[in-house]
């Protein structure tokens, strides 16, 4: 089972839905970076969600840092974090039947019926906890370098939010990054919450999409062919449960466009910086950043763990039987997954940054630290 990702960093994820702990280890993160627990805890809170359309109360996820940090500062050793699992229970011999449209059946085939499928096992969304933890750590480092990452809900069902423009306002970035239901348009937010509420009322679920932007990245990050930035981003994003499609820039809309309609022409702005008049290519050409905002759109399928009657296979006999689930009902994962997409982008970008600039450029200068702190003070 491959639960390790990265070329210049190595991120390993471990744990299962019903295991005592869930966690991860990150190798090659630079020393001397202050751990911003406020930012990490905000990210974990957003992942958990505050607008859930469910009466179930959720326990806060508290990170337990067991290595790689000394007195609140990274020390260069591998960083390992654990999360105690409130749903931990000893494994019994009873095996649940595979849930349709989940990883249960394929896991049984892949691991000779030995996989623990309770609640999804190692395929569970719970394993995004360490991804968000390390993602927030990487966003903090990238912020020192003037790079910001932000996500918003692009669509729920057929309700669409506005898209990021060619220029993305820093105030908008700050607002979206602190929201549990981030949308650019307040009208879209109202329509989306109303739709999710109506879907929840009939015990069903609905899919949607998330748009992520990387702002402030210079041209030249990435490599051609197989190690390009686009493919590395796709690799990580598809590791997030429920993601079924990944687009950069204009994405699938290129299929019914003419070349003359979707050209990003060069210009020089008032600061003497090279940029383009449009951003159809989403900030990358040839798998390398071009200096414009990188725009990513991911599509998430609706959860099939609804309370509708479904057909499944009886374990051991392969007979088709009825299945009716009596567990927590989630009408839409999309709002809670925005912070996960931001984290996925941050980890991928940090890996590419390390590969392009090397370890010596991950050492933060006094000027970068001072500029970051002044920026933080101005937000207060």
Foldseek 3Di string as FASTA:
>chain_A
DDQWDFDQKIKGWDWWQQAFKTKIKIADQDWFAFQDVVLLQLLQDLLVFDLFLFPDDDDRWDKDWDDQDDPRTGHRGITMIMTGRPNHDDDDPDADFDDPPACVVVCCVVVVNPARCVCHTPLHLVRLSNLLNVLSVLQLLVVLVVKHKFKAFQWWAPQGADDAFQDHDPVLRVVRSNDSHRGPDPVSSVVRSVVLNVCVVVQAATKGKMKMKMADDAWFFADADPTFLVVLLVVLVVSRPQWDDKAKALGPVVVPDDPVVQDFDWDQDPVRDIGTPGQRRQQDDRSIGHNTMIMMMTIGGIDPLTQDKDWTADPPPRDIDIDGDDDDGGRYSRSSCRSSSSSSSSVSRVSRCCVVPNSVVSDRDPVSVVVSVVVVVVVD
